[in-house]
PDB file of N, CA and C in Angstrom:
ATOM      1  N   UNK A   1       0.851  -1.186   0.000  1.00  0.00           N
ATOM      2  CA  UNK A   1       0.000   0.000   0.000  1.00  0.00           C
ATOM      3  C   UNK A   1       0.889   1.240   0.000  1.00  0.00           C
ATOM      4  N   UNK A   2       0.572   2.148  -0.896  1.00  0.00           N
ATOM      5  CA  UNK A   2       1.322   3.390  -0.947  1.00  0.00           C
ATOM      6  C   UNK A   2       0.583   4.524  -0.258  1.00  0.00           C
ATOM      7  N   UNK A   3       1.243   5.647  -0.183  1.00  0.00           N
ATOM      8  CA  UNK A   3       0.641   6.852   0.397  1.00  0.00           C
ATOM      9  C   UNK A   3       1.007   8.044  -0.473  1.00  0.00           C
ATOM     10  N   UNK A   4       0.110   9.030  -0.489  1.00  0.00           N
ATOM     11  CA  UNK A   4       0.331  10.272  -1.218  1.00  0.00           C
ATOM     12  C   UNK A   4      -0.335  11.384  -0.415  1.00  0.00           C
ATOM     13  N   UNK A   5       0.232  12.569  -0.444  1.00  0.00           N
ATOM     14  CA  UNK A   5      -0.438  13.679   0.237  1.00  0.00           C
ATOM     15  C   UNK A   5      -1.554  14.198  -0.658  1.00  0.00           C
ATOM     16  N   UNK A   6      -2.525  14.852  -0.046  1.00  0.00           N
ATOM     17  CA  UNK A   6      -3.614  15.449  -0.815  1.00  0.00           C
ATOM     18  C   UNK A   6      -3.063  16.464  -1.807  1.00  0.00           C
ATOM     19  N   UNK A   7      -2.058  17.200  -1.401  1.00  0.00           N
ATOM     20  CA  UNK A   7      -1.446  18.201  -2.271  1.00  0.00           C
ATOM     21  C   UNK A   7      -0.784  17.558  -3.492  1.00  0.00           C
ATOM     22  N   UNK A   8      -0.070  16.458  -3.279  1.00  0.00           N
ATOM     23  CA  UNK A   8       0.570  15.753  -4.399  1.00  0.00           C
ATOM     24  C   UNK A   8      -0.470  15.210  -5.370  1.00  0.00           C
ATOM     25  N   UNK A   9      -1.560  14.655  -4.833  1.00  0.00           N
ATOM     26  CA  UNK A   9      -2.627  14.133  -5.682  1.00  0.00           C
ATOM     27  C   UNK A   9      -3.265  15.260  -6.483  1.00  0.00           C
ATOM     28  N   UNK A  10      -3.521  16.382  -5.833  1.00  0.00           N
ATOM     29  CA  UNK A  10      -4.143  17.520  -6.524  1.00  0.00           C
ATOM     30  C   UNK A  10      -3.262  17.989  -7.674  1.00  0.00           C
ATOM     31  N   UNK A  11      -1.963  18.063  -7.455  1.00  0.00           N
ATOM     32  CA  UNK A  11      -1.032  18.485  -8.503  1.00  0.00           C
ATOM     33  C   UNK A  11      -1.079  17.525  -9.683  1.00  0.00           C
ATOM     34  N   UNK A  12      -1.054  16.246  -9.419  1.00  0.00           N
ATOM     35  CA  UNK A  12      -1.071  15.255 -10.498  1.00  0.00           C
ATOM     36  C   UNK A  12      -2.366  15.321 -11.296  1.00  0.00           C
ATOM     37  N   UNK A  13      -3.499  15.479 -10.617  1.00  0.00           N
ATOM     38  CA  UNK A  13      -4.775  15.590 -11.324  1.00  0.00           C
ATOM     39  C   UNK A  13      -4.836  16.881 -12.136  1.00  0.00           C
ATOM     40  N   UNK A  14      -4.369  17.973 -11.558  1.00  0.00           N
ATOM     41  CA  UNK A  14      -4.383  19.269 -12.242  1.00  0.00           C
ATOM     42  C   UNK A  14      -3.524  19.230 -13.499  1.00  0.00           C
ATOM     43  N   UNK A  15      -2.447  18.460 -13.448  1.00  0.00           N
ATOM     44  CA  UNK A  15      -1.554  18.344 -14.601  1.00  0.00           C
ATOM     45  C   UNK A  15      -2.070  17.357 -15.646  1.00  0.00           C
ATOM     46  N   UNK A  16      -3.263  16.809 -15.406  1.00  0.00           N
ATOM     47  CA  UNK A  16      -3.915  15.994 -16.417  1.00  0.00           C
ATOM     48  C   UNK A  16      -3.746  14.493 -16.308  1.00  0.00           C
ATOM     49  N   UNK A  17      -3.111  14.018 -15.240  1.00  0.00           N
ATOM     50  CA  UNK A  17      -2.988  12.568 -15.086  1.00  0.00           C
ATOM     51  C   UNK A  17      -4.368  11.960 -14.873  1.00  0.00           C
ATOM     52  N   UNK A  18      -4.603  10.830 -15.500  1.00  0.00           N
ATOM     53  CA  UNK A  18      -5.860  10.099 -15.326  1.00  0.00           C
ATOM     54  C   UNK A  18      -5.650   9.077 -14.211  1.00  0.00           C
ATOM     55  N   UNK A  19      -6.175   9.391 -13.041  1.00  0.00           N
ATOM     56  CA  UNK A  19      -5.999   8.534 -11.871  1.00  0.00           C
ATOM     57  C   UNK A  19      -7.356   8.044 -11.376  1.00  0.00           C
ATOM     58  N   UNK A  20      -7.387   6.860 -10.810  1.00  0.00           N
ATOM     59  CA  UNK A  20      -8.612   6.287 -10.253  1.00  0.00           C
ATOM     60  C   UNK A  20      -8.729   6.702  -8.792  1.00  0.00           C
ATOM     61  N   UNK A  21      -9.592   7.694  -8.527  1.00  0.00           N
ATOM     62  CA  UNK A  21      -9.769   8.228  -7.174  1.00  0.00           C
ATOM     63  C   UNK A  21     -11.120   7.745  -6.647  1.00  0.00           C
ATOM     64  N   UNK A  22     -11.102   7.037  -5.528  1.00  0.00           N
ATOM     65  CA  UNK A  22     -12.305   6.494  -4.909  1.00  0.00           C
ATOM     66  C   UNK A  22     -12.507   7.183  -3.564  1.00  0.00           C
ATOM     67  N   UNK A  23     -13.676   7.818  -3.397  1.00  0.00           N
ATOM     68  CA  UNK A  23     -14.027   8.527  -2.164  1.00  0.00           C
ATOM     69  C   UNK A  23     -14.911   7.605  -1.330  1.00  0.00           C
ATOM     70  N   UNK A  24     -14.455   7.240  -0.128  1.00  0.00           N
ATOM     71  CA  UNK A  24     -15.190   6.289   0.706  1.00  0.00           C
ATOM     72  C   UNK A  24     -16.065   6.966   1.762  1.00  0.00           C
ATOM     73  N   UNK A  25     -16.206   8.293   1.683  1.00  0.00           N
ATOM     74  CA  UNK A  25     -17.069   8.992   2.645  1.00  0.00           C
ATOM     75  C   UNK A  25     -18.540   8.691   2.346  1.00  0.00           C
ATOM     76  N   UNK A  26     -19.388   9.011   3.303  1.00  0.00           N
ATOM     77  CA  UNK A  26     -20.822   8.780   3.162  1.00  0.00           C
ATOM     78  C   UNK A  26     -21.443   9.833   2.234  1.00  0.00           C
ATOM     79  N   UNK A  27     -22.629   9.535   1.666  1.00  0.00           N
ATOM     80  CA  UNK A  27     -23.231  10.428   0.671  1.00  0.00           C
ATOM     81  C   UNK A  27     -23.368  11.888   1.099  1.00  0.00           C
ATOM     82  N   UNK A  28     -23.723  12.152   2.355  1.00  0.00           N
ATOM     83  CA  UNK A  28     -23.868  13.546   2.786  1.00  0.00           C
ATOM     84  C   UNK A  28     -22.524  14.267   2.764  1.00  0.00           C
ATOM     85  N   UNK A  29     -21.460  13.565   3.105  1.00  0.00           N
ATOM     86  CA  UNK A  29     -20.121  14.164   3.054  1.00  0.00           C
ATOM     87  C   UNK A  29     -19.717  14.425   1.605  1.00  0.00           C
ATOM     88  N   UNK A  30     -19.976  13.470   0.736  1.00  0.00           N
ATOM     89  CA  UNK A  30     -19.671  13.582  -0.695  1.00  0.00           C
ATOM     90  C   UNK A  30     -20.366  14.805  -1.287  1.00  0.00           C
ATOM     91  N   UNK A  31     -21.664  14.942  -0.988  1.00  0.00           N
ATOM     92  CA  UNK A  31     -22.445  16.035  -1.566  1.00  0.00           C
ATOM     93  C   UNK A  31     -21.963  17.398  -1.094  1.00  0.00           C
ATOM     94  N   UNK A  32     -21.366  17.475   0.091  1.00  0.00           N
ATOM     95  CA  UNK A  32     -20.901  18.765   0.605  1.00  0.00           C
ATOM     96  C   UNK A  32     -19.600  19.212  -0.048  1.00  0.00           C
ATOM     97  N   UNK A  33     -18.943  18.314  -0.765  1.00  0.00           N
ATOM     98  CA  UNK A  33     -17.732  18.687  -1.489  1.00  0.00           C
ATOM     99  C   UNK A  33     -16.823  17.502  -1.719  1.00  0.00           C
ATOM    100  N   UNK A  34     -16.478  17.263  -2.991  1.00  0.00           N
ATOM    101  CA  UNK A  34     -15.621  16.129  -3.332  1.00  0.00           C
ATOM    102  C   UNK A  34     -14.685  16.492  -4.476  1.00  0.00           C
ATOM    103  N   UNK A  35     -13.677  15.675  -4.663  1.00  0.00           N
ATOM    104  CA  UNK A  35     -12.744  15.834  -5.768  1.00  0.00           C
ATOM    105  C   UNK A  35     -13.504  15.535  -7.054  1.00  0.00           C
ATOM    106  N   UNK A  36     -13.422  16.450  -8.006  1.00  0.00           N
ATOM    107  CA  UNK A  36     -14.193  16.342  -9.245  1.00  0.00           C
ATOM    108  C   UNK A  36     -13.984  15.001  -9.943  1.00  0.00           C
ATOM    109  N   UNK A  37     -12.765  14.505  -9.956  1.00  0.00           N
ATOM    110  CA  UNK A  37     -12.445  13.270 -10.674  1.00  0.00           C
ATOM    111  C   UNK A  37     -12.774  11.999  -9.894  1.00  0.00           C
ATOM    112  N   UNK A  38     -13.214  12.145  -8.657  1.00  0.00           N
ATOM    113  CA  UNK A  38     -13.449  10.980  -7.797  1.00  0.00           C
ATOM    114  C   UNK A  38     -14.787  10.311  -8.084  1.00  0.00           C
ATOM    115  N   UNK A  39     -14.875   9.059  -7.646  1.00  0.00           N
ATOM    116  CA  UNK A  39     -16.098   8.274  -7.691  1.00  0.00           C
ATOM    117  C   UNK A  39     -16.449   7.922  -6.249  1.00  0.00           C
ATOM    118  N   UNK A  40     -17.736   8.010  -5.918  1.00  0.00           N
ATOM    119  CA  UNK A  40     -18.183   7.725  -4.557  1.00  0.00           C
ATOM    120  C   UNK A  40     -18.529   6.249  -4.389  1.00  0.00           C
ATOM    121  N   UNK A  41     -17.820   5.593  -3.475  1.00  0.00           N
ATOM    122  CA  UNK A  41     -18.176   4.246  -3.022  1.00  0.00           C
ATOM    123  C   UNK A  41     -18.039   4.273  -1.498  1.00  0.00           C
ATOM    124  N   UNK A  42     -19.133   4.625  -0.785  1.00  0.00           N
ATOM    125  CA  UNK A  42     -19.070   4.787   0.669  1.00  0.00           C
ATOM    126  C   UNK A  42     -18.600   3.520   1.389  1.00  0.00           C
ATOM    127  N   UNK A  43     -17.829   3.709   2.436  1.00  0.00           N
ATOM    128  CA  UNK A  43     -17.306   2.593   3.210  1.00  0.00           C
ATOM    129  C   UNK A  43     -18.433   1.712   3.749  1.00  0.00           C
ATOM    130  N   UNK A  44     -19.594   2.299   4.060  1.00  0.00           N
ATOM    131  CA  UNK A  44     -20.710   1.537   4.627  1.00  0.00           C
ATOM    132  C   UNK A  44     -21.268   0.501   3.649  1.00  0.00           C
ATOM    133  N   UNK A  45     -21.034   0.668   2.359  1.00  0.00           N
ATOM    134  CA  UNK A  45     -21.510  -0.293   1.349  1.00  0.00           C
ATOM    135  C   UNK A  45     -20.350  -0.815   0.499  1.00  0.00           C
ATOM    136  N   UNK A  46     -19.146  -0.636   1.001  1.00  0.00           N
ATOM    137  CA  UNK A  46     -17.944  -0.931   0.221  1.00  0.00           C
ATOM    138  C   UNK A  46     -17.869  -2.393  -0.208  1.00  0.00           C
ATOM    139  N   UNK A  47     -18.116  -3.311   0.723  1.00  0.00           N
ATOM    140  CA  UNK A  47     -18.011  -4.739   0.411  1.00  0.00           C
ATOM    141  C   UNK A  47     -19.026  -5.114  -0.665  1.00  0.00           C
ATOM    142  N   UNK A  48     -20.259  -4.602  -0.542  1.00  0.00           N
ATOM    143  CA  UNK A  48     -21.298  -4.917  -1.516  1.00  0.00           C
ATOM    144  C   UNK A  48     -20.954  -4.395  -2.907  1.00  0.00           C
ATOM    145  N   UNK A  49     -20.208  -3.297  -2.977  1.00  0.00           N
ATOM    146  CA  UNK A  49     -19.887  -2.668  -4.264  1.00  0.00           C
ATOM    147  C   UNK A  49     -18.459  -2.957  -4.731  1.00  0.00           C
ATOM    148  N   UNK A  50     -17.813  -3.905  -4.096  1.00  0.00           N
ATOM    149  CA  UNK A  50     -16.417  -4.213  -4.392  1.00  0.00           C
ATOM    150  C   UNK A  50     -16.183  -4.519  -5.872  1.00  0.00           C
ATOM    151  N   UNK A  51     -17.121  -5.194  -6.505  1.00  0.00           N
ATOM    152  CA  UNK A  51     -16.979  -5.553  -7.912  1.00  0.00           C
ATOM    153  C   UNK A  51     -16.808  -4.358  -8.834  1.00  0.00           C
ATOM    154  N   UNK A  52     -17.328  -3.196  -8.431  1.00  0.00           N
ATOM    155  CA  UNK A  52     -17.210  -1.991  -9.253  1.00  0.00           C
ATOM    156  C   UNK A  52     -15.758  -1.554  -9.424  1.00  0.00           C
ATOM    157  N   UNK A  53     -14.907  -1.944  -8.495  1.00  0.00           N
ATOM    158  CA  UNK A  53     -13.508  -1.526  -8.568  1.00  0.00           C
ATOM    159  C   UNK A  53     -12.793  -2.113  -9.775  1.00  0.00           C
ATOM    160  N   UNK A  54     -13.329  -3.200 -10.323  1.00  0.00           N
ATOM    161  CA  UNK A  54     -12.718  -3.798 -11.506  1.00  0.00           C
ATOM    162  C   UNK A  54     -12.821  -2.892 -12.724  1.00  0.00           C
ATOM    163  N   UNK A  55     -13.686  -1.876 -12.666  1.00  0.00           N
ATOM    164  CA  UNK A  55     -13.849  -0.933 -13.775  1.00  0.00           C
ATOM    165  C   UNK A  55     -12.768   0.141 -13.785  1.00  0.00           C
ATOM    166  N   UNK A  56     -11.931   0.188 -12.767  1.00  0.00           N
ATOM    167  CA  UNK A  56     -10.933   1.253 -12.636  1.00  0.00           C
ATOM    168  C   UNK A  56      -9.524   0.702 -12.800  1.00  0.00           C
ATOM    169  N   UNK A  57      -8.657   1.533 -13.353  1.00  0.00           N
ATOM    170  CA  UNK A  57      -7.252   1.143 -13.476  1.00  0.00           C
ATOM    171  C   UNK A  57      -6.558   1.329 -12.132  1.00  0.00           C
ATOM    172  N   UNK A  58      -5.704   0.383 -11.798  1.00  0.00           N
ATOM    173  CA  UNK A  58      -4.918   0.497 -10.575  1.00  0.00           C
ATOM    174  C   UNK A  58      -3.664   1.314 -10.856  1.00  0.00           C
ATOM    175  N   UNK A  59      -3.109   1.968  -9.863  1.00  0.00           N
ATOM    176  CA  UNK A  59      -3.517   1.913  -8.461  1.00  0.00           C
ATOM    177  C   UNK A  59      -4.792   2.717  -8.212  1.00  0.00           C
ATOM    178  N   UNK A  60      -5.492   2.334  -7.154  1.00  0.00           N
ATOM    179  CA  UNK A  60      -6.687   3.044  -6.716  1.00  0.00           C
ATOM    180  C   UNK A  60      -6.278   4.024  -5.624  1.00  0.00           C
ATOM    181  N   UNK A  61      -6.605   5.291  -5.818  1.00  0.00           N
ATOM    182  CA  UNK A  61      -6.296   6.334  -4.834  1.00  0.00           C
ATOM    183  C   UNK A  61      -7.523   6.494  -3.944  1.00  0.00           C
ATOM    184  N   UNK A  62      -7.388   6.129  -2.677  1.00  0.00           N
ATOM    185  CA  UNK A  62      -8.513   6.110  -1.748  1.00  0.00           C
ATOM    186  C   UNK A  62      -8.493   7.356  -0.873  1.00  0.00           C
ATOM    187  N   UNK A  63      -9.661   8.046  -0.800  1.00  0.00           N
ATOM    188  CA  UNK A  63      -9.745   9.282  -0.027  1.00  0.00           C
ATOM    189  C   UNK A  63     -10.983   9.262   0.867  1.00  0.00           C
ATOM    190  N   UNK A  64     -10.870   9.904   2.023  1.00  0.00           N
ATOM    191  CA  UNK A  64     -12.001  10.121   2.924  1.00  0.00           C
ATOM    192  C   UNK A  64     -11.842  11.520   3.518  1.00  0.00           C
ATOM    193  N   UNK A  65     -12.407  11.761   4.689  1.00  0.00           N
ATOM    194  CA  UNK A  65     -12.306  13.087   5.293  1.00  0.00           C
ATOM    195  C   UNK A  65     -10.891  13.366   5.783  1.00  0.00           C
ATOM    196  N   UNK A  66     -10.297  12.395   6.498  1.00  0.00           N
ATOM    197  CA  UNK A  66      -8.996  12.651   7.125  1.00  0.00           C
ATOM    198  C   UNK A  66      -7.899  11.656   6.749  1.00  0.00           C
ATOM    199  N   UNK A  67      -8.265  10.551   6.125  1.00  0.00           N
ATOM    200  CA  UNK A  67      -7.298   9.511   5.795  1.00  0.00           C
ATOM    201  C   UNK A  67      -7.463   8.252   6.619  1.00  0.00           C
ATOM    202  N   UNK A  68      -8.327   8.273   7.631  1.00  0.00           N
ATOM    203  CA  UNK A  68      -8.523   7.117   8.496  1.00  0.00           C
ATOM    204  C   UNK A  68      -9.353   6.027   7.808  1.00  0.00           C
ATOM    205  N   UNK A  69     -10.560   6.381   7.358  1.00  0.00           N
ATOM    206  CA  UNK A  69     -11.415   5.382   6.698  1.00  0.00           C
ATOM    207  C   UNK A  69     -10.794   4.886   5.401  1.00  0.00           C
ATOM    208  N   UNK A  70     -10.185   5.794   4.651  1.00  0.00           N
ATOM    209  CA  UNK A  70      -9.542   5.363   3.403  1.00  0.00           C
ATOM    210  C   UNK A  70      -8.375   4.430   3.705  1.00  0.00           C
ATOM    211  N   UNK A  71      -7.698   4.642   4.825  1.00  0.00           N
ATOM    212  CA  UNK A  71      -6.624   3.741   5.232  1.00  0.00           C
ATOM    213  C   UNK A  71      -7.147   2.343   5.512  1.00  0.00           C
ATOM    214  N   UNK A  72      -8.314   2.260   6.163  1.00  0.00           N
ATOM    215  CA  UNK A  72      -8.928   0.959   6.426  1.00  0.00           C
ATOM    216  C   UNK A  72      -9.319   0.281   5.119  1.00  0.00           C
ATOM    217  N   UNK A  73      -9.874   1.068   4.189  1.00  0.00           N
ATOM    218  CA  UNK A  73     -10.232   0.516   2.878  1.00  0.00           C
ATOM    219  C   UNK A  73      -8.982   0.029   2.156  1.00  0.00           C
ATOM    220  N   UNK A  74      -7.900   0.784   2.249  1.00  0.00           N
ATOM    221  CA  UNK A  74      -6.638   0.383   1.619  1.00  0.00           C
ATOM    222  C   UNK A  74      -6.126  -0.926   2.204  1.00  0.00           C
ATOM    223  N   UNK A  75      -6.162  -1.051   3.524  1.00  0.00           N
ATOM    224  CA  UNK A  75      -5.709  -2.285   4.172  1.00  0.00           C
ATOM    225  C   UNK A  75      -6.496  -3.482   3.644  1.00  0.00           C
ATOM    226  N   UNK A  76      -7.819  -3.323   3.572  1.00  0.00           N
ATOM    227  CA  UNK A  76      -8.681  -4.407   3.096  1.00  0.00           C
ATOM    228  C   UNK A  76      -8.371  -4.746   1.642  1.00  0.00           C
ATOM    229  N   UNK A  77      -8.296  -3.713   0.797  1.00  0.00           N
ATOM    230  CA  UNK A  77      -8.068  -3.944  -0.629  1.00  0.00           C
ATOM    231  C   UNK A  77      -6.685  -4.525  -0.905  1.00  0.00           C
ATOM    232  N   UNK A  78      -5.684  -4.062  -0.177  1.00  0.00           N
ATOM    233  CA  UNK A  78      -4.334  -4.599  -0.355  1.00  0.00           C
ATOM    234  C   UNK A  78      -4.313  -6.091  -0.032  1.00  0.00           C
ATOM    235  N   UNK A  79      -5.056  -6.489   0.996  1.00  0.00           N
ATOM    236  CA  UNK A  79      -5.134  -7.902   1.363  1.00  0.00           C
ATOM    237  C   UNK A  79      -5.836  -8.725   0.282  1.00  0.00           C
ATOM    238  N   UNK A  80      -6.673  -8.059  -0.529  1.00  0.00           N
ATOM    239  CA  UNK A  80      -7.372  -8.724  -1.631  1.00  0.00           C
ATOM    240  C   UNK A  80      -6.550  -8.708  -2.919  1.00  0.00           C
ATOM    241  N   UNK A  81      -5.372  -8.085  -2.863  1.00  0.00           N
ATOM    242  CA  UNK A  81      -4.496  -8.072  -4.025  1.00  0.00           C
ATOM    243  C   UNK A  81      -4.546  -6.820  -4.880  1.00  0.00           C
ATOM    244  N   UNK A  82      -5.310  -5.817  -4.452  1.00  0.00           N
ATOM    245  CA  UNK A  82      -5.390  -4.561  -5.203  1.00  0.00           C
ATOM    246  C   UNK A  82      -4.166  -3.695  -4.918  1.00  0.00           C
ATOM    247  N   UNK A  83      -3.774  -2.906  -5.919  1.00  0.00           N
ATOM    248  CA  UNK A  83      -2.729  -1.898  -5.727  1.00  0.00           C
ATOM    249  C   UNK A  83      -3.434  -0.613  -5.309  1.00  0.00           C
ATOM    250  N   UNK A  84      -3.172  -0.149  -4.097  1.00  0.00           N
ATOM    251  CA  UNK A  84      -3.895   0.994  -3.539  1.00  0.00           C
ATOM    252  C   UNK A  84      -2.941   2.035  -2.972  1.00  0.00           C
ATOM    253  N   UNK A  85      -3.434   3.280  -2.948  1.00  0.00           N
ATOM    254  CA  UNK A  85      -2.676   4.400  -2.403  1.00  0.00           C
ATOM    255  C   UNK A  85      -3.621   5.191  -1.508  1.00  0.00           C
ATOM    256  N   UNK A  86      -3.237   5.404  -0.254  1.00  0.00           N
ATOM    257  CA  UNK A  86      -4.049   6.188   0.671  1.00  0.00           C
ATOM    258  C   UNK A  86      -3.693   7.664   0.544  1.00  0.00           C
ATOM    259  N   UNK A  87      -4.731   8.516   0.467  1.00  0.00           N
ATOM    260  CA  UNK A  87      -4.525   9.964   0.392  1.00  0.00           C
ATOM    261  C   UNK A  87      -4.435  10.492   1.822  1.00  0.00           C
ATOM    262  N   UNK A  88      -3.214  10.821   2.243  1.00  0.00           N
ATOM    263  CA  UNK A  88      -2.970  11.288   3.607  1.00  0.00           C
ATOM    264  C   UNK A  88      -3.629  12.645   3.845  1.00  0.00           C
ATOM    265  N   UNK A  89      -4.300  12.769   4.979  1.00  0.00           N
ATOM    266  CA  UNK A  89      -4.959  14.028   5.311  1.00  0.00           C
ATOM    267  C   UNK A  89      -6.338  14.174   4.714  1.00  0.00           C
ATOM    268  N   UNK A  90      -6.664  13.343   3.729  1.00  0.00           N
ATOM    269  CA  UNK A  90      -7.994  13.338   3.129  1.00  0.00           C
ATOM    270  C   UNK A  90      -8.472  14.701   2.666  1.00  0.00           C
ATOM    271  N   UNK A  91      -9.785  14.848   2.666  1.00  0.00           N
ATOM    272  CA  UNK A  91     -10.398  16.090   2.190  1.00  0.00           C
ATOM    273  C   UNK A  91     -10.086  17.268   3.105  1.00  0.00           C
ATOM    274  N   UNK A  92      -9.754  17.000   4.369  1.00  0.00           N
ATOM    275  CA  UNK A  92      -9.376  18.096   5.263  1.00  0.00           C
ATOM    276  C   UNK A  92      -8.126  18.805   4.765  1.00  0.00           C
ATOM    277  N   UNK A  93      -7.286  18.084   4.017  1.00  0.00           N
ATOM    278  CA  UNK A  93      -6.035  18.648   3.505  1.00  0.00           C
ATOM    279  C   UNK A  93      -6.099  18.993   2.021  1.00  0.00           C
ATOM    280  N   UNK A  94      -7.241  18.764   1.391  1.00  0.00           N
ATOM    281  CA  UNK A  94      -7.357  18.968  -0.061  1.00  0.00           C
ATOM    282  C   UNK A  94      -7.206  20.448  -0.409  1.00  0.00           C
ATOM    283  N   UNK A  95      -6.187  20.804  -1.219  1.00  0.00           N
ATOM    284  CA  UNK A  95      -5.948  22.213  -1.534  1.00  0.00           C
ATOM    285  C   UNK A  95      -6.688  22.709  -2.774  1.00  0.00           C
ATOM    286  N   UNK A  96      -7.269  21.793  -3.527  1.00  0.00           N
ATOM    287  CA  UNK A  96      -7.875  22.171  -4.803  1.00  0.00           C
ATOM    288  C   UNK A  96      -9.351  22.497  -4.696  1.00  0.00           C
ATOM    289  N   UNK A  97      -9.935  22.720  -5.862  1.00  0.00           N
ATOM    290  CA  UNK A  97     -11.368  22.987  -5.927  1.00  0.00           C
ATOM    291  C   UNK A  97     -12.130  21.708  -5.601  1.00  0.00           C
ATOM    292  N   UNK A  98     -13.370  21.889  -5.154  1.00  0.00           N
ATOM    293  CA  UNK A  98     -14.237  20.744  -4.904  1.00  0.00           C
ATOM    294  C   UNK A  98     -15.527  20.915  -5.689  1.00  0.00           C
ATOM    295  N   UNK A  99     -16.082  19.778  -6.091  1.00  0.00           N
ATOM    296  CA  UNK A  99     -17.394  19.766  -6.723  1.00  0.00           C
ATOM    297  C   UNK A  99     -18.407  19.481  -5.625  1.00  0.00           C
ATOM    298  N   UNK A 100     -19.627  19.982  -5.783  1.00  0.00           N
ATOM    299  CA  UNK A 100     -20.665  19.732  -4.787  1.00  0.00           C
ATOM    300  C   UNK A 100     -21.849  19.046  -5.448  1.00  0.00           C
ATOM    301  N   UNK A 101     -22.732  18.492  -4.614  1.00  0.00           N
ATOM    302  CA  UNK A 101     -23.898  17.775  -5.114  1.00  0.00           C
ATOM    303  C   UNK A 101     -23.519  16.365  -5.509  1.00  0.00           C
ATOM    304  N   UNK A 102     -24.459  15.715  -6.189  1.00  0.00           N
ATOM    305  CA  UNK A 102     -24.234  14.327  -6.591  1.00  0.00           C
ATOM    306  C   UNK A 102     -23.346  14.330  -7.786  1.00  0.00           C
TER     307      UNK A 102
END
């Protein structure tokens, strides 16, 4: 499992890299502001929606509010054989613009 700061991720996305960003926060958190390029798969339904991850190129960049829940998701996914990167500091540290709503 790798790690990246929110600032490093924002720079890479801004420079046009196509990265698979998965936001594991709950829907109300997502709607209040999320990374434009991210896809919402809340931790509360993560296991049920695990198959959706096959649609994304690895590594999967996992983000939450602070990095705690995404870290748990990373631990689980790494044990399943996925290549994952935890976004340290999560959305609390996100320096870029955010999209709102669904």
